[in-house]
Amino acid sequence: MEQFQELLNANPLLLLAYLIGSVTFILGLKMLSHPDTARRGNLIAAFGMIVAIFATIFLYEYKGGEGQPVRLHNYGWIFGGLVIGTIVGTMAAKKVQMTAMPEMVSLFNGMGGACAMLISLIEYKKMVDYEGDSIPTPGKLIIIVLGMVIGTVSFAGSVIAWGKLAGKIKDKTIPGGQIINFLIFGGIIALAILVTGNFYPGSTVLFYSILALAALYGVLFVMPIGGADMPVVISLLNSFTGVAAAFGGFLYNNPVMLTGGILVGSAGTILTMLMCKAMNRSLKNVLIGSFGGQKAGPGGASKEQGAFKEISITDSAVLMAYAQKVIIIPGYGLAVAQAQHACHELEKILEEKGVEVMYGIHPVAGRMPGHMNVLLAEADVPYEKLLEMEDANDQMSTTNVVLILGANDVVNPAAKDDPSSPIYGMPILEVEKAEHVIVNKRSMKPGYAGIENDLFFKPKTSMLFGDAKKVLQELAAELKQL
């Protein structure tokens, strides 16, 4: 109640700036829901953030030692951090390749979790230093501890996710990992009760023990996860960061932090649930750390599949040129080859020949949520041509040719046919219903989930080996001559 009264008594210009920031966040998130308005929505939200930051720097007041209002005065540190962060962030964003975008998203998300963690550490230290032996407010202690735990889990988990996506850390399932995670989680809860219940007021040992356990849980929670499950984990960690930021908004009585955190947390949670549904996975398994940690049984191991057949560039071009409908399935191989522009060029040439061309998008294709959508949007592929998985599957039976560009696990029939497969139960793009299937890959190596794809050996399937960009350019050149 006291904090609410302080907010009402704050500088009207500061309140107006916070209102502008909150409204722009909401508008920006709404506009992000469609590619045509996403860029503008991002800029609007960024403008609101700038307004809120500078209003806080120049208009925010806090109570000094004698209860008198004092404004921020350490501008050197503040603007030094802003300048360094702006330069580093801009350079990183400009230099990053699209193939490395998932790693950057995960790393930046981890930085948000680290900020929430540091806020809780600073506020707890202030509480202990200033209040001494007096009993701290339980409500504030709960917010501090929750913000620290969630922020630390997000930070540690995001760093591990970054390492795994960058190929620096390999998947590793720890024996009895679920039990260990349960014990760590139980330990965090027990220590949090001791701290927030004021059984040991101002105990820095207990507080930092919670920090250590939360960091360990974040590491063990993400370590066994691999394969096509990673986009779901990134989305979940993103929601954690949003929730942690919201707790920071409570601590500082800051409506902008609160609004932004709630928006990120709720949007990330909804996206996580949708992606779990798309992967036919349980959110409960994500939270206890068993998600993606299953070992492949016989279906996940190499087995005798028979022979596959290859197809030439010329035959592929002829097949597509005389088709009525072609569906292109983009995957991580498209991103690796930076072939999105060549893909769009092929699409335009086919349409000039009267062929209907659409794109089938699996929810977890690539390494992060929406990875394929981002790639194709960069090449100016019309959003209307992007079919969600269910819509694409409805059209497969009337499709003459499916062209798969670097996708693997999201088209593997083992997800439907082989109960021993580690991806069994995952909804896939049912490309085998089409008349012809052309798969472009560099080699016959397995996909990110580490299992062989039964689709490659089906009678309707032909393999077109080579770099995706080079293959698409050759296909486009061949089509122009037909």
Protein backbone atom coordinates (compact mmCIF):
# COMPACT_ATOMS: atom_id res chain seq x y z
CA MET A 1 0.00 0.00 0.00
CA GLU A 2 2.88 2.34 0.81
CA GLN A 3 4.49 1.66 -2.57
CA PHE A 4 1.17 2.30 -4.32
CA GLN A 5 0.88 5.63 -2.55
CA GLU A 6 4.44 6.52 -3.60
CA LEU A 7 3.49 5.78 -7.19
CA LEU A 8 0.47 8.10 -6.95
CA ASN A 9 2.68 10.84 -5.53
CA ALA A 10 5.32 10.44 -8.24
CA ASN A 11 6.14 13.03 -10.88
CA PRO A 12 3.18 13.21 -13.33
CA LEU A 13 5.61 13.26 -16.25
CA LEU A 14 7.19 10.05 -14.98
CA LEU A 15 3.77 8.40 -14.74
CA LEU A 16 2.93 9.59 -18.25
CA ALA A 17 6.20 8.15 -19.57
CA TYR A 18 5.47 4.82 -17.89
CA LEU A 19 1.96 4.85 -19.37
CA ILE A 20 3.40 5.50 -22.84
CA GLY A 21 5.88 2.67 -22.37
CA SER A 22 3.22 0.21 -21.21
CA VAL A 23 0.83 1.07 -24.05
CA THR A 24 3.55 0.80 -26.70
CA PHE A 25 4.56 -2.62 -25.35
CA ILE A 26 1.00 -3.85 -25.72
CA LEU A 27 0.61 -2.34 -29.20
CA GLY A 28 3.99 -3.68 -30.28
CA LEU A 29 3.16 -7.21 -29.14
CA LYS A 30 -0.16 -7.05 -30.97
CA MET A 31 1.55 -5.91 -34.17
CA LEU A 32 4.15 -8.67 -33.88
CA SER A 33 1.37 -11.19 -34.55
CA HIS A 34 1.48 -10.48 -38.30
CA PRO A 35 4.57 -10.17 -40.55
CA ASP A 36 3.18 -7.11 -42.32
CA THR A 37 3.17 -5.10 -39.09
CA ALA A 38 5.88 -6.91 -37.06
CA ARG A 39 8.73 -4.55 -37.94
CA ARG A 40 6.68 -1.47 -37.12
CA GLY A 41 5.47 -3.07 -33.89
CA ASN A 42 9.04 -3.76 -32.84
CA LEU A 43 10.01 -0.13 -33.46
CA ILE A 44 6.99 1.16 -31.53
CA ALA A 45 7.83 -1.03 -28.52
CA ALA A 46 11.48 0.07 -28.72
CA PHE A 47 10.38 3.72 -28.72
CA GLY A 48 8.31 3.10 -25.59
CA MET A 49 11.29 1.46 -23.92
CA ILE A 50 13.51 4.46 -24.71
CA VAL A 51 10.92 6.84 -23.25
CA ALA A 52 10.66 4.75 -20.08
CA ILE A 53 14.45 4.48 -19.67
CA PHE A 54 15.17 8.20 -19.98
CA ALA A 55 12.16 9.14 -17.84
CA THR A 56 13.49 6.85 -15.10
CA ILE A 57 16.99 8.33 -15.36
CA PHE A 58 15.91 11.97 -15.19
CA LEU A 59 12.55 11.96 -13.37
CA TYR A 60 12.60 9.04 -10.91
CA GLU A 61 12.99 9.97 -7.24
CA TYR A 62 13.73 7.82 -4.20
CA LYS A 63 13.88 8.53 -0.49
CA GLY A 64 17.28 9.58 0.80
CA GLY A 65 18.77 9.01 4.25
CA GLU A 66 16.52 11.64 5.88
CA GLY A 67 13.44 10.68 3.93
CA GLN A 68 13.92 13.48 1.42
CA PRO A 69 13.30 12.76 -2.30
CA VAL A 70 16.55 12.26 -4.22
CA ARG A 71 17.02 11.77 -7.96
CA LEU A 72 19.56 9.53 -9.62
CA HIS A 73 22.95 11.20 -9.80
CA ASN A 74 25.46 8.55 -10.92
CA TYR A 75 24.97 9.40 -14.62
CA GLY A 76 28.48 8.35 -15.57
CA TRP A 77 27.86 4.71 -14.71
CA ILE A 78 24.35 4.77 -16.16
CA PHE A 79 25.24 6.26 -19.54
CA GLY A 80 28.47 4.28 -19.68
CA GLY A 81 26.43 1.08 -19.41
CA LEU A 82 23.91 2.33 -21.97
CA VAL A 83 26.61 3.21 -24.50
CA ILE A 84 28.53 -0.05 -24.07
CA GLY A 85 25.37 -2.16 -24.20
CA THR A 86 24.09 -0.32 -27.28
CA ILE A 87 27.37 -0.74 -29.16
CA VAL A 88 27.75 -4.44 -28.27
CA GLY A 89 24.11 -5.23 -29.03
CA THR A 90 24.13 -3.40 -32.36
CA MET A 91 27.36 -4.98 -33.54
CA ALA A 92 26.22 -8.45 -32.49
CA ALA A 93 22.86 -8.06 -34.24
CA LYS A 94 24.44 -6.80 -37.46
CA LYS A 95 27.13 -9.49 -37.64
CA VAL A 96 25.08 -12.51 -36.64
CA GLN A 97 24.25 -15.00 -39.40
CA MET A 98 20.69 -16.27 -39.71
CA THR A 99 21.98 -19.74 -38.87
CA ALA A 100 23.28 -18.39 -35.55
CA MET A 101 20.12 -16.44 -34.72
CA PRO A 102 18.82 -19.11 -32.27
CA GLU A 103 22.04 -18.91 -30.28
CA MET A 104 21.78 -15.11 -30.13
CA VAL A 105 18.14 -15.25 -29.03
CA SER A 106 19.03 -17.72 -26.30
CA LEU A 107 22.03 -15.66 -25.13
CA PHE A 108 20.12 -12.36 -25.07
CA ASN A 109 17.31 -14.07 -23.17
CA GLY A 110 19.86 -15.30 -20.65
CA MET A 111 21.06 -11.72 -20.16
CA GLY A 112 17.51 -10.75 -19.21
CA GLY A 113 17.43 -13.52 -16.62
CA ALA A 114 20.81 -12.37 -15.29
CA CYS A 115 19.48 -8.82 -14.87
CA ALA A 116 16.51 -10.09 -12.86
CA MET A 117 18.87 -12.17 -10.73
CA LEU A 118 21.16 -9.17 -10.05
CA ILE A 119 18.18 -7.00 -9.11
CA SER A 120 17.19 -9.52 -6.44
CA LEU A 121 20.75 -9.81 -5.15
CA ILE A 122 21.10 -6.03 -4.86
CA GLU A 123 17.72 -5.57 -3.19
CA TYR A 124 18.40 -8.33 -0.67
CA LYS A 125 21.77 -6.83 0.21
CA LYS A 126 20.14 -3.39 0.66
CA MET A 127 17.48 -4.92 2.88
CA VAL A 128 20.07 -6.65 5.08
CA ASP A 129 22.39 -3.62 5.26
CA TYR A 130 19.70 -1.02 5.97
CA GLU A 131 17.26 -2.96 8.12
CA GLY A 132 19.85 -4.79 10.19
CA ASP A 133 18.27 -7.05 12.78
CA SER A 134 14.71 -5.89 12.07
CA ILE A 135 12.38 -8.38 10.46
CA PRO A 136 12.07 -7.68 6.69
CA THR A 137 8.68 -7.54 5.00
CA PRO A 138 7.70 -11.12 4.07
CA GLY A 139 5.99 -9.97 0.87
CA LYS A 140 9.09 -8.21 -0.39
CA LEU A 141 11.27 -11.17 0.57
CA ILE A 142 9.05 -13.54 -1.41
CA ILE A 143 9.28 -11.31 -4.50
CA ILE A 144 13.07 -11.04 -4.14
CA VAL A 145 13.54 -14.81 -3.78
CA LEU A 146 11.16 -15.69 -6.62
CA GLY A 147 12.77 -13.16 -8.94
CA MET A 148 16.23 -14.49 -8.11
CA VAL A 149 15.30 -18.17 -8.53
CA ILE A 150 13.46 -17.74 -11.83
CA GLY A 151 16.02 -15.31 -13.21
CA THR A 152 18.92 -17.60 -12.25
CA VAL A 153 17.28 -20.67 -13.80
CA SER A 154 16.63 -18.67 -16.97
CA PHE A 155 20.21 -17.36 -17.09
CA ALA A 156 21.91 -20.70 -16.43
CA GLY A 157 19.55 -22.62 -18.72
CA SER A 158 19.90 -20.08 -21.54
CA VAL A 159 23.70 -20.22 -21.38
CA ILE A 160 23.59 -24.02 -21.67
CA ALA A 161 21.07 -23.74 -24.52
CA TRP A 162 23.38 -21.26 -26.26
CA GLY A 163 26.30 -23.67 -25.89
CA LYS A 164 24.31 -26.60 -27.24
CA LEU A 165 22.97 -24.65 -30.21
CA ALA A 166 26.47 -23.38 -31.00
CA GLY A 167 27.83 -26.93 -30.83
CA LYS A 168 30.03 -26.15 -27.82
CA ILE A 169 28.10 -28.39 -25.40
CA LYS A 170 26.83 -31.88 -26.19
CA ASP A 171 23.60 -33.45 -24.93
CA LYS A 172 24.21 -35.35 -21.73
CA THR A 173 21.65 -37.33 -19.76
CA ILE A 174 22.66 -37.76 -16.12
CA PRO A 175 21.63 -41.09 -14.51
CA GLY A 176 18.75 -40.42 -12.15
CA GLY A 177 18.45 -36.90 -13.54
CA GLN A 178 14.75 -36.58 -12.73
CA ILE A 179 15.27 -37.54 -9.10
CA ILE A 180 18.21 -35.15 -8.79
CA ASN A 181 16.14 -32.33 -10.26
CA PHE A 182 13.30 -33.08 -7.84
CA LEU A 183 15.70 -33.01 -4.90
CA ILE A 184 17.26 -29.72 -6.03
CA PHE A 185 13.85 -28.17 -6.60
CA GLY A 186 12.72 -29.37 -3.17
CA GLY A 187 15.86 -27.91 -1.62
CA ILE A 188 15.16 -24.55 -3.25
CA ILE A 189 11.62 -24.53 -1.88
CA ALA A 190 12.76 -25.52 1.64
CA LEU A 191 15.46 -22.84 1.78
CA ALA A 192 13.10 -20.25 0.31
CA ILE A 193 10.59 -20.97 3.10
CA LEU A 194 13.32 -20.50 5.71
CA VAL A 195 14.39 -17.18 4.17
CA THR A 196 10.96 -15.70 3.42
CA GLY A 197 9.46 -16.97 6.69
CA ASN A 198 12.09 -15.00 8.61
CA PHE A 199 13.27 -18.09 10.46
CA TYR A 200 16.80 -16.81 9.76
CA PRO A 201 16.40 -13.06 9.06
CA GLY A 202 19.11 -11.60 6.87
CA SER A 203 20.91 -14.92 6.36
CA THR A 204 23.14 -14.39 3.35
CA VAL A 205 24.33 -18.01 3.55
CA LEU A 206 20.83 -19.38 2.96
CA PHE A 207 20.12 -16.77 0.29
CA TYR A 208 23.24 -17.56 -1.72
CA SER A 209 22.59 -21.28 -1.25
CA ILE A 210 19.28 -20.75 -3.04
CA LEU A 211 21.16 -18.92 -5.79
CA ALA A 212 23.60 -21.82 -6.21
CA LEU A 213 20.87 -24.45 -6.29
CA ALA A 214 18.85 -22.42 -8.82
CA ALA A 215 21.90 -22.15 -11.10
CA LEU A 216 22.53 -25.89 -10.80
CA TYR A 217 18.90 -26.64 -11.58
CA GLY A 218 19.04 -24.41 -14.67
CA VAL A 219 22.07 -26.33 -15.94
CA LEU A 220 20.69 -29.81 -15.22
CA PHE A 221 17.27 -28.86 -16.54
CA VAL A 222 18.57 -28.00 -20.03
CA MET A 223 21.59 -30.33 -20.28
CA PRO A 224 19.73 -33.49 -21.46
CA ILE A 225 17.57 -31.65 -23.97
CA GLY A 226 18.46 -31.91 -27.60
CA GLY A 227 17.17 -32.53 -31.07
CA ALA A 228 13.94 -30.98 -32.21
CA ASP A 229 13.00 -30.19 -28.60
CA MET A 230 15.28 -27.16 -28.33
CA PRO A 231 12.81 -24.56 -29.75
CA VAL A 232 10.36 -25.42 -26.98
CA VAL A 233 13.02 -24.97 -24.31
CA ILE A 234 14.04 -21.57 -25.70
CA SER A 235 10.40 -20.48 -25.55
CA LEU A 236 10.05 -21.73 -21.96
CA LEU A 237 13.22 -19.97 -20.83
CA ASN A 238 11.96 -16.80 -22.48
CA SER A 239 8.78 -16.98 -20.41
CA PHE A 240 10.91 -17.47 -17.27
CA THR A 241 12.80 -14.28 -18.03
CA GLY A 242 9.55 -12.37 -18.48
CA VAL A 243 8.21 -13.57 -15.13
CA ALA A 244 11.50 -12.67 -13.40
CA ALA A 245 11.36 -9.19 -14.95
CA ALA A 246 7.80 -8.78 -13.68
CA PHE A 247 9.01 -9.46 -10.13
CA GLY A 248 11.59 -6.71 -10.67
CA GLY A 249 8.71 -4.41 -11.58
CA PHE A 250 7.06 -5.25 -8.27
CA LEU A 251 10.25 -4.53 -6.35
CA TYR A 252 10.79 -1.12 -7.94
CA ASN A 253 7.11 -0.27 -8.23
CA ASN A 254 7.77 0.21 -11.94
CA PRO A 255 4.69 -0.23 -14.18
CA VAL A 256 6.77 -0.55 -17.35
CA MET A 257 8.89 -3.40 -16.01
CA LEU A 258 5.76 -5.04 -14.68
CA THR A 259 3.86 -4.72 -17.96
CA GLY A 260 6.78 -5.85 -20.10
CA GLY A 261 7.52 -8.79 -17.84
CA ILE A 262 3.91 -9.95 -17.76
CA LEU A 263 3.62 -9.67 -21.54
CA VAL A 264 6.81 -11.64 -22.16
CA GLY A 265 5.99 -14.20 -19.50
CA SER A 266 2.42 -14.84 -20.64
CA ALA A 267 3.28 -14.82 -24.36
CA GLY A 268 6.22 -17.16 -23.77
CA THR A 269 4.08 -19.51 -21.71
CA ILE A 270 1.35 -19.66 -24.35
CA LEU A 271 3.94 -20.25 -27.08
CA THR A 272 5.55 -23.00 -24.99
CA MET A 273 2.22 -24.77 -24.54
CA LEU A 274 1.44 -24.50 -28.25
CA MET A 275 4.85 -25.88 -29.18
CA CYS A 276 4.55 -28.71 -26.67
CA LYS A 277 1.27 -29.57 -28.34
CA ALA A 278 2.96 -29.44 -31.75
CA MET A 279 5.68 -31.77 -30.44
CA ASN A 280 3.18 -33.98 -28.58
CA ARG A 281 5.24 -33.50 -25.43
CA SER A 282 4.28 -32.86 -21.82
CA LEU A 283 5.03 -29.51 -20.20
CA LYS A 284 5.45 -31.40 -16.93
CA ASN A 285 8.39 -33.27 -18.43
CA VAL A 286 9.94 -29.97 -19.48
CA LEU A 287 9.80 -28.63 -15.95
CA ILE A 288 11.37 -31.72 -14.33
CA GLY A 289 14.13 -31.88 -16.91
CA SER A 290 13.27 -35.16 -18.64
CA PHE A 291 12.11 -33.40 -21.77
CA GLY A 292 14.08 -34.61 -24.75
CA GLY A 293 16.15 -36.84 -22.56
CA GLN A 294 14.70 -40.14 -23.72
CA LYS A 295 17.08 -42.55 -25.30
CA ALA A 296 16.32 -44.11 -28.61
CA GLY A 297 15.34 -47.71 -28.54
CA PRO A 298 15.72 -50.02 -31.50
CA GLY A 299 13.81 -47.58 -33.65
CA GLY A 300 16.30 -44.87 -32.90
CA ALA A 301 19.29 -46.95 -33.94
CA SER A 302 20.57 -47.57 -37.43
CA LYS A 303 18.71 -50.36 -39.24
CA GLU A 304 18.64 -51.90 -42.66
CA GLN A 305 16.47 -49.67 -44.82
CA GLY A 306 17.27 -50.83 -48.33
CA ALA A 307 18.34 -48.53 -51.13
CA PHE A 308 17.44 -44.93 -51.78
CA LYS A 309 17.18 -43.42 -55.23
CA GLU A 310 18.73 -40.22 -56.49
CA ILE A 311 17.28 -37.69 -58.91
CA SER A 312 19.07 -35.22 -61.15
CA ILE A 313 18.60 -31.46 -61.36
CA THR A 314 17.06 -31.81 -64.82
CA ASP A 315 14.56 -34.49 -63.79
CA SER A 316 13.62 -32.49 -60.70
CA ALA A 317 13.04 -29.37 -62.78
CA VAL A 318 10.88 -31.24 -65.28
CA LEU A 319 8.86 -32.85 -62.49
CA MET A 320 8.12 -29.47 -60.90
CA ALA A 321 7.57 -27.59 -64.17
CA TYR A 322 4.72 -29.91 -65.17
CA ALA A 323 3.18 -30.08 -61.70
CA GLN A 324 -0.01 -28.28 -60.73
CA LYS A 325 0.91 -27.83 -57.08
CA VAL A 326 4.29 -27.81 -55.35
CA ILE A 327 4.77 -27.53 -51.58
CA ILE A 328 8.22 -26.53 -50.32
CA ILE A 329 9.24 -27.72 -46.83
CA PRO A 330 12.04 -25.52 -45.43
CA GLY A 331 14.34 -26.79 -42.69
CA TYR A 332 17.59 -25.97 -40.95
CA GLY A 333 19.55 -26.92 -44.07
CA LEU A 334 17.93 -23.96 -45.83
CA ALA A 335 19.21 -21.67 -43.08
CA VAL A 336 22.71 -23.15 -43.14
CA ALA A 337 22.98 -22.57 -46.89
CA GLN A 338 21.43 -19.08 -46.68
CA ALA A 339 19.20 -20.23 -49.52
CA GLN A 340 15.98 -18.36 -48.72
CA HIS A 341 16.40 -15.86 -51.57
CA ALA A 342 17.20 -18.61 -54.08
CA CYS A 343 14.12 -20.46 -52.83
CA HIS A 344 11.91 -17.41 -53.43
CA GLU A 345 13.38 -17.06 -56.92
CA LEU A 346 12.51 -20.70 -57.68
CA GLU A 347 8.99 -20.07 -56.39
CA LYS A 348 8.51 -17.09 -58.74
CA ILE A 349 9.77 -19.04 -61.78
CA LEU A 350 7.39 -21.92 -61.04
CA GLU A 351 4.45 -19.54 -60.66
CA GLU A 352 5.27 -17.98 -64.01
CA LYS A 353 4.78 -21.45 -65.47
CA GLY A 354 1.36 -21.73 -63.83
CA VAL A 355 2.43 -23.90 -60.88
CA GLU A 356 0.82 -23.22 -57.50
CA VAL A 357 3.60 -22.97 -54.90
CA MET A 358 3.09 -23.02 -51.14
CA TYR A 359 5.34 -23.54 -48.10
CA GLY A 360 4.66 -26.10 -45.37
CA ILE A 361 5.92 -24.81 -42.02
CA HIS A 362 6.39 -27.13 -39.07
CA PRO A 363 6.11 -25.31 -35.70
CA VAL A 364 9.53 -26.45 -34.54
CA ALA A 365 11.44 -26.50 -37.83
CA GLY A 366 14.87 -24.97 -37.30
CA ARG A 367 16.42 -24.12 -33.96
CA MET A 368 13.98 -21.60 -32.49
CA PRO A 369 10.26 -20.79 -32.65
CA GLY A 370 9.41 -19.19 -35.99
CA HIS A 371 12.90 -19.78 -37.45
CA MET A 372 11.59 -20.65 -40.92
CA ASN A 373 9.10 -17.79 -40.91
CA VAL A 374 11.92 -15.34 -40.20
CA LEU A 375 14.07 -16.76 -42.99
CA LEU A 376 11.32 -16.63 -45.61
CA ALA A 377 10.17 -13.18 -44.50
CA GLU A 378 13.74 -11.97 -45.05
CA ALA A 379 13.40 -13.12 -48.68
CA ASP A 380 10.01 -11.34 -49.03
CA VAL A 381 8.03 -14.55 -49.41
CA PRO A 382 4.32 -13.57 -49.04
CA TYR A 383 2.96 -14.56 -45.65
CA GLU A 384 -0.16 -16.00 -47.30
CA LYS A 385 1.97 -18.71 -48.88
CA LEU A 386 3.12 -20.07 -45.52
CA LEU A 387 0.89 -22.96 -44.49
CA GLU A 388 0.76 -24.13 -40.90
CA MET A 389 1.34 -27.84 -40.38
CA GLU A 390 -2.34 -28.82 -40.22
CA ASP A 391 -3.23 -26.82 -43.34
CA ALA A 392 -0.23 -28.19 -45.23
CA ASN A 393 -1.15 -31.76 -44.32
CA ASP A 394 -4.68 -31.20 -45.61
CA GLN A 395 -3.23 -30.31 -49.01
CA MET A 396 -0.61 -33.04 -49.28
CA SER A 397 -2.89 -35.54 -51.00
CA THR A 398 -3.55 -33.06 -53.84
CA THR A 399 0.11 -32.03 -54.19
CA ASN A 400 2.14 -33.27 -57.14
CA VAL A 401 5.63 -32.52 -55.78
CA VAL A 402 6.95 -31.84 -52.30
CA LEU A 403 10.42 -30.27 -52.21
CA ILE A 404 12.12 -30.73 -48.83
CA LEU A 405 15.01 -28.35 -48.23
CA GLY A 406 17.15 -29.49 -45.32
CA ALA A 407 14.26 -30.61 -43.11
CA ASN A 408 14.65 -34.00 -41.46
CA ASP A 409 12.97 -34.88 -38.17
CA VAL A 410 9.80 -32.90 -38.94
CA VAL A 411 9.07 -35.17 -41.95
CA ASN A 412 10.24 -38.48 -40.47
CA PRO A 413 7.45 -41.11 -40.61
CA ALA A 414 8.99 -42.85 -37.59
CA ALA A 415 7.17 -40.26 -35.50
CA LYS A 416 3.94 -42.01 -36.49
CA ASP A 417 5.01 -45.58 -37.22
CA ASP A 418 7.79 -46.52 -34.78
CA PRO A 419 6.89 -46.57 -31.05
CA SER A 420 10.57 -47.16 -30.17
CA SER A 421 11.68 -43.95 -31.88
CA PRO A 422 12.64 -41.00 -29.64
CA ILE A 423 10.42 -38.73 -31.76
CA TYR A 424 7.41 -41.08 -31.67
CA GLY A 425 4.17 -39.17 -31.19
CA MET A 426 5.50 -35.90 -32.61
CA PRO A 427 3.14 -34.48 -35.25
CA ILE A 428 4.92 -34.23 -38.59
CA LEU A 429 4.38 -32.90 -42.09
CA GLU A 430 2.85 -35.91 -43.85
CA VAL A 431 4.76 -35.48 -47.10
CA GLU A 432 4.43 -39.14 -48.06
CA LYS A 433 0.82 -38.41 -49.09
CA ALA A 434 2.06 -36.33 -52.03
CA GLU A 435 2.58 -37.80 -55.51
CA HIS A 436 6.35 -37.20 -55.54
CA VAL A 437 8.82 -36.25 -52.78
CA ILE A 438 12.20 -34.66 -53.54
CA VAL A 439 14.56 -34.37 -50.58
CA ASN A 440 17.51 -31.97 -50.82
CA LYS A 441 20.29 -32.78 -48.34
CA ARG A 442 24.07 -32.60 -48.30
CA SER A 443 24.33 -36.25 -47.32
CA MET A 444 22.44 -39.14 -45.73
CA LYS A 445 23.50 -38.10 -42.23
CA PRO A 446 20.71 -38.09 -39.60
CA GLY A 447 19.00 -34.91 -38.46
CA TYR A 448 19.28 -33.02 -35.18
CA ALA A 449 17.49 -35.77 -33.27
CA GLY A 450 20.27 -38.17 -34.33
CA ILE A 451 18.06 -40.82 -35.99
CA GLU A 452 17.76 -42.10 -39.53
CA ASN A 453 14.81 -40.90 -41.61
CA ASP A 454 12.59 -43.66 -42.98
CA LEU A 455 11.21 -41.24 -45.56
CA PHE A 456 14.42 -41.33 -47.59
CA PHE A 457 13.82 -44.98 -48.47
CA LYS A 458 10.14 -44.72 -49.46
CA PRO A 459 9.18 -45.53 -53.07
CA LYS A 460 7.89 -41.99 -53.73
CA THR A 461 11.04 -40.32 -52.42
CA SER A 462 14.02 -39.18 -54.49
CA MET A 463 17.21 -37.71 -53.03
CA LEU A 464 18.72 -34.55 -54.53
CA PHE A 465 22.12 -34.13 -52.90
CA GLY A 466 23.99 -30.86 -52.63
CA ASP A 467 24.13 -27.47 -50.96
CA ALA A 468 20.59 -26.04 -50.85
CA LYS A 469 21.51 -22.67 -52.34
CA LYS A 470 23.50 -24.18 -55.22
CA VAL A 471 20.79 -26.77 -55.93
CA LEU A 472 18.02 -24.15 -55.96
CA GLN A 473 20.01 -21.89 -58.27
CA GLU A 474 20.60 -24.79 -60.66
CA LEU A 475 16.92 -25.74 -60.54
CA ALA A 476 15.94 -22.14 -61.34
CA ALA A 477 18.35 -22.04 -64.29
CA GLU A 478 17.03 -25.36 -65.60
CA LEU A 479 13.41 -24.27 -65.26
CA LYS A 480 14.06 -21.12 -67.29
CA GLN A 481 15.14 -23.29 -70.21
CA LEU A 482 12.03 -25.48 -70.18
